[in-house]
Protein backbone atom coordinates (compact mmCIF):
# COMPACT_ATOMS: atom_id res chain seq x y z
CA MET A 1 -39.59 27.62 -94.72
CA LYS A 2 -39.41 24.24 -95.67
CA LEU A 3 -37.08 21.58 -96.36
CA SER A 4 -37.92 21.03 -100.16
CA GLN A 5 -37.27 24.63 -100.47
CA PHE A 6 -33.37 23.95 -100.16
CA LYS A 7 -33.62 20.98 -102.84
CA PHE A 8 -31.61 21.44 -106.06
CA LYS A 9 -29.59 18.57 -108.08
CA LEU A 10 -25.77 19.01 -107.51
CA PRO A 11 -24.01 17.58 -110.65
CA GLU A 12 -21.25 15.04 -109.60
CA GLU A 13 -18.63 16.68 -111.20
CA GLN A 14 -18.84 19.88 -109.05
CA ILE A 15 -18.28 18.23 -106.01
CA ALA A 16 -14.81 19.30 -104.63
CA LEU A 17 -12.70 16.29 -103.60
CA TYR A 18 -9.69 18.16 -102.81
CA PRO A 19 -9.04 21.87 -102.20
CA PRO A 20 -8.37 24.47 -105.22
CA HIS A 21 -4.61 23.19 -106.64
CA ARG A 22 -2.30 22.88 -109.78
CA VAL A 23 -1.07 19.44 -111.17
CA PHE A 24 2.12 18.58 -112.67
CA GLU A 25 3.49 15.33 -113.78
CA ASN A 26 6.57 14.58 -112.84
CA GLU A 27 9.92 12.99 -114.93
CA ASP A 28 8.70 9.55 -113.70
CA GLY A 29 5.07 9.86 -114.90
CA THR A 30 3.84 10.39 -110.82
CA VAL A 31 1.48 13.17 -110.95
CA GLU A 32 1.35 16.12 -107.96
CA ARG A 33 -0.18 18.14 -106.65
CA VAL A 34 0.41 21.57 -105.29
CA TYR A 35 -2.36 23.05 -103.01
CA GLN A 36 -3.20 26.95 -102.94
CA ARG A 37 -5.66 27.42 -100.43
CA ASP A 38 -6.66 31.07 -101.46
CA ARG A 39 -7.18 30.38 -105.10
CA CYS A 40 -10.28 28.92 -105.42
CA ARG A 41 -12.88 31.07 -107.68
CA LEU A 42 -14.83 33.33 -105.49
CA MET A 43 -18.50 34.95 -106.01
CA VAL A 44 -19.34 38.44 -104.30
CA VAL A 45 -23.28 38.75 -103.45
CA HIS A 46 -24.55 42.29 -102.55
CA ARG A 47 -27.89 41.96 -100.77
CA LYS A 48 -29.11 45.08 -100.89
CA SER A 49 -28.59 45.85 -104.52
CA GLU A 50 -29.35 42.20 -105.13
CA THR A 51 -26.29 42.00 -107.71
CA ILE A 52 -23.96 39.19 -108.05
CA ASP A 53 -20.06 39.78 -109.36
CA LEU A 54 -18.12 36.78 -110.96
CA CYS A 55 -15.38 39.36 -112.33
CA GLN A 56 -13.02 41.40 -111.22
CA LYS A 57 -13.21 45.11 -111.86
CA ASP A 58 -11.04 47.41 -113.36
CA PHE A 59 -9.78 51.17 -112.18
CA ASP A 60 -13.00 52.55 -113.55
CA GLY A 61 -15.15 49.94 -111.74
CA LYS A 62 -16.38 48.04 -115.01
CA ASP A 63 -16.09 43.91 -114.92
CA THR A 64 -13.16 42.58 -116.58
CA ASN A 65 -12.62 39.06 -118.21
CA GLU A 66 -10.70 37.60 -115.33
CA PRO A 67 -12.75 35.71 -112.68
CA LEU A 68 -12.69 36.66 -108.89
CA ILE A 69 -10.72 34.33 -106.64
CA PHE A 70 -10.40 34.41 -103.04
CA ARG A 71 -7.71 36.59 -102.34
CA ASN A 72 -9.81 39.20 -104.08
CA VAL A 73 -12.09 39.36 -100.86
CA ILE A 74 -9.86 42.09 -99.32
CA ASP A 75 -10.44 44.26 -102.01
CA TYR A 76 -13.81 45.01 -100.32
CA PHE A 77 -12.84 45.79 -97.17
CA GLN A 78 -11.29 48.78 -95.27
CA GLU A 79 -8.74 49.69 -92.95
CA GLY A 80 -10.39 49.05 -89.26
CA ASP A 81 -12.91 46.56 -90.93
CA THR A 82 -12.60 43.16 -88.63
CA PHE A 83 -12.28 39.25 -89.55
CA LEU A 84 -14.08 37.11 -86.98
CA PHE A 85 -12.64 33.49 -87.52
CA ASN A 86 -13.54 30.00 -85.76
CA ASP A 87 -10.41 28.48 -84.40
CA THR A 88 -11.27 25.56 -83.76
CA ALA A 89 -9.16 22.46 -84.67
CA VAL A 90 -9.65 19.08 -86.14
CA PHE A 91 -8.14 15.40 -84.48
CA PRO A 92 -7.65 12.51 -86.84
CA ALA A 93 -11.06 10.96 -85.66
CA ARG A 94 -10.96 8.64 -88.50
CA LEU A 95 -10.13 5.07 -87.12
CA PHE A 96 -9.99 1.66 -88.68
CA GLY A 97 -9.99 -1.28 -86.81
CA THR A 98 -11.25 -5.31 -86.86
CA LYS A 99 -13.63 -6.87 -84.80
CA GLU A 100 -12.57 -9.35 -82.30
CA LYS A 101 -12.90 -13.53 -83.50
CA THR A 102 -14.42 -12.63 -86.71
CA ASP A 103 -11.73 -9.74 -88.06
CA ALA A 104 -14.23 -7.75 -89.77
CA LYS A 105 -13.02 -4.48 -91.01
CA ILE A 106 -14.82 -1.53 -88.86
CA GLU A 107 -14.91 1.80 -89.33
CA VAL A 108 -14.80 4.26 -86.29
CA PHE A 109 -15.25 7.57 -85.95
CA LEU A 110 -14.28 9.46 -82.49
CA LEU A 111 -16.34 12.23 -81.17
CA ARG A 112 -15.13 13.12 -78.34
CA GLU A 113 -13.68 12.04 -75.01
CA LEU A 114 -16.16 11.39 -72.40
CA ASN A 115 -13.88 10.66 -69.08
CA GLU A 116 -9.86 10.60 -69.08
CA GLU A 117 -9.21 8.73 -66.35
CA LEU A 118 -11.34 6.07 -67.91
CA ARG A 119 -10.53 6.35 -71.45
CA LEU A 120 -14.05 6.27 -72.48
CA TRP A 121 -15.08 7.52 -75.84
CA ASP A 122 -18.24 8.95 -77.80
CA VAL A 123 -18.06 7.01 -81.44
CA LEU A 124 -19.63 6.10 -84.59
CA VAL A 125 -19.35 2.75 -86.34
CA GLU A 126 -19.93 1.33 -89.38
CA PRO A 127 -21.02 -0.90 -90.20
CA ALA A 128 -23.03 -0.70 -86.94
CA ARG A 129 -25.07 -3.83 -87.11
CA LYS A 130 -21.90 -6.16 -86.51
CA ILE A 131 -21.02 -3.95 -83.37
CA ARG A 132 -22.49 -4.77 -80.34
CA ILE A 133 -21.76 -4.55 -76.09
CA GLY A 134 -19.02 -6.45 -74.93
CA ASN A 135 -17.03 -6.65 -78.34
CA LYS A 136 -14.03 -5.81 -78.73
CA LEU A 137 -11.92 -3.80 -81.22
CA PHE A 138 -8.42 -4.28 -82.04
CA PHE A 139 -6.50 -1.21 -84.13
CA ASP A 140 -3.04 -1.35 -85.53
CA GLY A 141 -3.22 -4.96 -86.13
CA ASP A 142 -1.35 -6.66 -83.20
CA GLY A 143 -0.45 -3.65 -81.03
CA PRO A 144 -1.52 -2.33 -77.51
CA MET A 145 -4.41 -0.30 -78.94
CA VAL A 146 -7.87 -2.14 -78.06
CA ALA A 147 -11.45 -0.67 -77.29
CA GLU A 148 -14.21 -2.57 -75.73
CA VAL A 149 -17.74 -1.37 -76.44
CA ILE A 150 -19.91 -0.52 -73.35
CA ASP A 151 -22.59 1.06 -74.22
CA ASN A 152 -25.07 1.57 -77.66
CA THR A 153 -25.95 5.58 -77.59
CA THR A 154 -27.73 5.56 -81.11
CA SER A 155 -28.24 3.26 -84.42
CA ARG A 156 -24.57 4.33 -85.02
CA GLY A 157 -23.32 5.47 -81.62
CA ARG A 158 -21.17 3.55 -79.22
CA THR A 159 -19.04 4.20 -76.20
CA LEU A 160 -16.05 2.58 -76.15
CA ARG A 161 -13.15 1.90 -72.88
CA PHE A 162 -9.70 1.90 -74.74
CA LEU A 163 -7.90 -0.75 -72.70
CA TYR A 164 -4.71 1.05 -72.62
CA ASP A 165 -2.69 1.78 -69.68
CA CYS A 166 -0.31 4.94 -69.52
CA PRO A 167 -0.42 8.81 -69.18
CA HIS A 168 -3.14 10.23 -70.54
CA ASP A 169 -1.20 12.17 -72.96
CA GLU A 170 0.70 9.51 -74.24
CA PHE A 171 -2.51 7.36 -75.02
CA LYS A 172 -3.74 10.42 -77.32
CA ARG A 173 -0.56 10.31 -79.04
CA GLU A 174 -0.98 6.81 -79.88
CA LEU A 175 -4.58 7.26 -80.71
CA PHE A 176 -4.22 9.93 -83.04
CA SER A 177 -1.11 8.42 -84.85
CA LEU A 178 -3.52 5.29 -85.98
CA GLY A 179 -6.33 7.93 -87.70
CA SER A 180 -6.89 10.23 -90.52
CA ALA A 181 -8.52 13.01 -91.47
CA PRO A 182 -12.05 13.41 -90.86
CA ILE A 183 -13.06 14.47 -94.29
CA PRO A 184 -16.85 14.60 -94.99
CA ARG A 185 -18.26 11.06 -95.92
CA TYR A 186 -19.16 12.27 -99.45
CA ILE A 187 -15.76 12.89 -99.99
CA VAL A 188 -14.18 9.38 -98.34
CA ASP A 189 -16.70 7.54 -100.39
CA ARG A 190 -15.48 9.10 -103.89
CA ARG A 191 -11.73 8.82 -103.16
CA PRO A 192 -9.54 7.48 -100.37
CA THR A 193 -8.25 9.37 -97.45
CA GLU A 194 -4.89 11.05 -97.98
CA ALA A 195 -1.82 12.12 -96.34
CA ASP A 196 -2.31 15.92 -97.29
CA ASP A 197 -5.89 15.88 -96.08
CA MET A 198 -5.14 16.40 -92.38
CA VAL A 199 -2.82 20.14 -93.24
CA ASN A 200 -5.50 20.53 -95.79
CA PHE A 201 -8.36 19.90 -93.89
CA GLN A 202 -6.95 22.26 -91.02
CA THR A 203 -7.02 25.82 -90.96
CA ILE A 204 -3.69 27.92 -90.42
CA TYR A 205 -4.89 29.35 -87.10
CA ALA A 206 -6.48 26.48 -85.69
CA ARG A 207 -5.57 26.44 -81.80
CA HIS A 208 -8.09 24.84 -79.46
CA GLU A 209 -8.43 21.16 -80.28
CA GLY A 210 -12.25 19.20 -80.69
CA ALA A 211 -14.17 19.63 -84.30
CA VAL A 212 -14.52 16.46 -86.23
CA THR A 213 -15.09 18.19 -89.12
CA ALA A 214 -13.41 21.38 -90.44
CA PRO A 215 -15.08 24.91 -89.88
CA SER A 216 -14.35 24.79 -94.20
CA THR A 217 -14.66 28.30 -95.18
CA GLY A 218 -11.70 29.37 -92.78
CA LEU A 219 -9.97 26.96 -95.17
CA HIS A 220 -9.33 29.90 -97.89
CA PHE A 221 -7.45 31.85 -95.77
CA SER A 222 -3.45 31.12 -96.47
CA ARG A 223 -0.93 32.69 -94.50
CA GLU A 224 -0.06 35.25 -97.17
CA LEU A 225 -3.35 36.25 -97.45
CA MET A 226 -3.75 37.20 -93.53
CA LYS A 227 -0.39 38.74 -93.95
CA MET A 228 -1.82 41.06 -96.78
CA MET A 229 -4.85 41.51 -94.82
CA GLU A 230 -2.68 42.66 -91.74
CA ILE A 231 -0.93 44.70 -93.93
CA ARG A 232 -3.77 46.58 -95.25
CA GLY A 233 -5.10 47.31 -91.46
CA PHE A 234 -7.51 44.77 -91.08
CA GLN A 235 -8.38 43.18 -87.02
CA ASN A 236 -8.68 40.11 -86.57
CA ALA A 237 -10.70 37.99 -83.64
CA PHE A 238 -11.84 34.49 -82.99
CA VAL A 239 -14.10 32.42 -81.13
CA THR A 240 -14.23 28.51 -80.95
CA LEU A 241 -16.66 26.44 -81.72
CA HIS A 242 -16.13 22.75 -82.15
CA CYS A 243 -17.40 21.95 -84.94
CA SER A 244 -19.69 18.47 -84.73
CA LEU A 245 -21.15 16.12 -87.28
CA GLY A 246 -24.69 17.46 -86.67
CA CYS A 247 -24.44 20.17 -89.87
CA PHE A 248 -24.04 16.73 -92.03
CA ASP A 249 -27.45 14.79 -90.52
CA PRO A 250 -29.87 14.78 -93.12
CA ILE A 251 -32.84 16.88 -92.10
CA GLU A 252 -35.71 14.43 -91.36
CA VAL A 253 -38.84 16.99 -91.35
CA GLU A 254 -40.09 19.42 -94.15
CA ASP A 255 -41.07 21.75 -91.30
CA LEU A 256 -37.97 23.64 -90.52
CA THR A 257 -39.02 24.79 -87.57
CA LYS A 258 -39.44 21.25 -86.06
CA HIS A 259 -35.88 20.20 -87.11
CA LYS A 260 -32.94 20.17 -83.53
CA MET A 261 -29.79 20.88 -84.04
CA ASN A 262 -26.70 18.59 -82.32
CA SER A 263 -25.18 20.76 -79.63
CA GLU A 264 -21.63 22.06 -79.74
CA GLN A 265 -19.40 23.50 -77.39
CA MET A 266 -18.08 26.92 -78.06
CA ILE A 267 -16.22 29.80 -76.22
CA VAL A 268 -16.22 33.56 -76.96
CA THR A 269 -13.48 35.18 -74.96
CA ARG A 270 -13.18 38.97 -73.49
CA GLU A 271 -10.00 39.51 -76.21
CA ALA A 272 -12.51 38.10 -78.99
CA CYS A 273 -15.69 40.36 -77.73
CA ASP A 274 -12.96 43.86 -77.21
CA THR A 275 -11.99 43.73 -80.70
CA VAL A 276 -15.33 42.68 -82.51
CA ASN A 277 -17.07 45.48 -80.67
CA GLN A 278 -14.24 48.09 -81.00
CA ALA A 279 -14.96 47.96 -84.84
CA LYS A 280 -19.10 47.96 -84.30
CA ARG A 281 -18.50 51.02 -82.27
CA ALA A 282 -16.03 52.80 -85.13
CA GLY A 283 -18.83 52.17 -87.47
CA ASN A 284 -16.44 49.08 -89.33
CA LYS A 285 -17.60 46.25 -90.65
CA VAL A 286 -17.55 43.18 -89.47
CA CYS A 287 -17.18 40.02 -91.70
CA VAL A 288 -17.71 36.68 -90.27
CA VAL A 289 -15.98 33.60 -92.08
CA GLY A 290 -17.99 30.62 -92.06
CA VAL A 291 -21.46 29.60 -90.91
CA SER A 292 -20.44 27.40 -87.65
CA THR A 293 -18.50 31.28 -86.84
CA ALA A 294 -21.84 32.91 -87.63
CA ARG A 295 -23.54 30.61 -85.55
CA ALA A 296 -21.18 31.22 -82.80
CA ALA A 297 -21.82 34.98 -82.91
CA GLU A 298 -25.73 34.62 -83.22
CA SER A 299 -25.44 32.73 -80.11
CA ALA A 300 -23.55 35.28 -77.83
CA VAL A 301 -24.45 38.46 -79.52
CA GLY A 302 -26.54 40.72 -77.28
CA THR A 303 -29.52 42.78 -77.43
CA ASP A 304 -27.49 46.18 -78.17
CA GLY A 305 -25.79 44.30 -81.17
CA MET A 306 -22.58 43.82 -78.87
CA LEU A 307 -20.50 40.45 -79.04
CA LYS A 308 -21.09 39.10 -75.38
CA GLU A 309 -18.18 36.50 -73.40
CA PHE A 310 -19.28 32.68 -73.86
CA ASP A 311 -18.58 29.66 -72.21
CA GLY A 312 -20.88 26.70 -72.88
CA TRP A 313 -22.71 25.22 -75.61
CA THR A 314 -25.26 26.16 -78.71
CA ASN A 315 -27.43 24.13 -80.43
CA LYS A 316 -28.61 26.99 -82.40
CA PHE A 317 -30.61 26.52 -86.09
CA ILE A 318 -31.01 29.32 -88.33
CA PHE A 319 -32.69 29.46 -91.01
CA PRO A 320 -34.85 32.12 -93.31
CA PRO A 321 -36.00 34.40 -92.22
CA TYR A 322 -33.75 35.52 -89.55
CA ASP A 323 -32.63 38.85 -88.03
CA PHE A 324 -28.69 38.93 -87.88
CA GLY A 325 -27.30 41.13 -84.56
CA LEU A 326 -23.53 41.07 -85.19
CA ALA A 327 -22.13 40.86 -89.00
CA ASP A 328 -21.76 43.00 -91.44
CA ALA A 329 -20.76 40.64 -94.19
CA LEU A 330 -20.03 36.98 -94.24
CA VAL A 331 -17.79 34.52 -95.82
CA ALA A 332 -19.42 30.72 -96.98
CA ASN A 333 -18.78 27.98 -99.24
CA PHE A 334 -21.46 26.63 -101.39
CA TYR A 335 -23.02 23.57 -99.53
CA HIS A 336 -25.04 20.92 -100.39
CA PRO A 337 -28.51 20.77 -100.76
CA GLU A 338 -31.04 20.78 -98.26
CA SER A 339 -27.80 21.38 -95.83
CA THR A 340 -27.94 23.47 -92.59
CA MET A 341 -25.33 25.55 -93.94
CA MET A 342 -27.02 26.43 -97.09
CA MET A 343 -30.09 27.43 -94.89
CA LEU A 344 -27.76 29.59 -92.67
CA THR A 345 -26.39 31.04 -95.77
CA ALA A 346 -29.66 32.16 -97.22
CA ALA A 347 -30.82 33.42 -94.31
CA PHE A 348 -28.10 35.81 -94.26
CA GLY A 349 -28.37 36.86 -98.07
CA GLY A 350 -31.80 36.21 -98.34
CA TYR A 351 -33.39 33.50 -99.70
CA ASP A 352 -34.52 34.66 -103.46
CA LEU A 353 -31.33 35.84 -103.94
CA ILE A 354 -29.15 32.89 -102.31
CA TYR A 355 -30.81 30.57 -104.71
CA GLU A 356 -29.81 32.92 -107.04
CA ALA A 357 -26.39 32.68 -106.15
CA TYR A 358 -26.74 29.02 -106.18
CA LYS A 359 -28.12 28.90 -109.47
CA THR A 360 -25.51 30.79 -111.22
CA ALA A 361 -22.45 29.22 -109.26
CA LEU A 362 -24.21 25.59 -110.74
CA LYS A 363 -24.15 27.00 -114.37
CA GLU A 364 -20.67 29.07 -114.13
CA GLY A 365 -19.16 25.43 -112.86
CA PHE A 366 -18.21 26.69 -109.42
CA MET A 367 -17.27 23.85 -107.02
CA PHE A 368 -19.47 22.84 -104.19
CA GLY A 369 -18.53 21.12 -100.47
CA CYS A 370 -15.42 21.92 -97.98
CA TYR A 371 -12.78 22.05 -100.76
CA GLY A 372 -15.21 23.91 -102.75
CA ASP A 373 -15.40 27.29 -103.94
CA ALA A 374 -16.28 30.74 -101.92
CA MET A 375 -19.10 33.17 -101.70
CA LEU A 376 -18.79 36.62 -99.95
CA ILE A 377 -22.34 38.20 -99.21
CA LEU A 378 -22.33 42.06 -98.54
CA ASP A 379 -24.51 43.98 -96.95
CA ASP A 380 -24.75 47.38 -100.00
């Protein structure tokens, strides 16, 4: 496949800047948003029959005038079916500081901690041209948090040593208190980060800190929806893949076989394997939630179609054509053009059908991006 085959024009007004919500105007004229995770629109794609559902069905299976919303996802599954989630947790990775002497404002995006004892972090800085080895960066005005640049890693990448003498847990609490939610650049460039983003950009089942962007499809699952799934007898399993910014890196080659993904740390436990494999053996569906979870599952599935324990790193890049070894269904968002996330979605649903689904989504006003609408792809 070629990069140009995933190109399309995404209108500005169809890029979601906030999660699904209702807007209320208070008596004092201020506007309040009430967020509803599971109330985004849902498109259901059937890959064998090559049909697309946009509306809810009546008791006779005929389309109504009511559009599908995300809560309707449970209507396509039965007792014993299993949902596989990514339980990574994002941390407040975006910080702002000032450069010594010049007081120039610098954005620092934390990627990962390299050494606890030495307080070394791998980061991205913006504007990078102003930041050189030996520079000191100050955070929180005249507060105690100071970092020194000790290495250049990439054009925008730097290694920082934080000069903060205290127990490690206290250091991380202080560091994270200065940060904000790591919502994607395409949102930050259109509106400022808000306090609600740290809650909205975190799945309700997040457990293991380490991601610098959220497994966004999981953001649609509310506590109420998860309870409804439990009542219906669905099973849940969790893997951990710490999502990096690699999924947002522009692909710079036309031939997709030459693109290299960044490595991401992942863990698949024995508990997850037991739950998923029991469903497979019983003939129940396994629904993978999100492209990061799909990459983790495909990195750990065996030739027998069973999930295997895994503790390491993956740089698996999935694009059409590709034969998935584990999933019977996939929940995804609508992604930006030429993105690796769109490519994985097309690999699961089939390029022609998913491209048609994207054309339909654009025509019908679906919202794109991490806070946008969702697609369920079924193998029927």
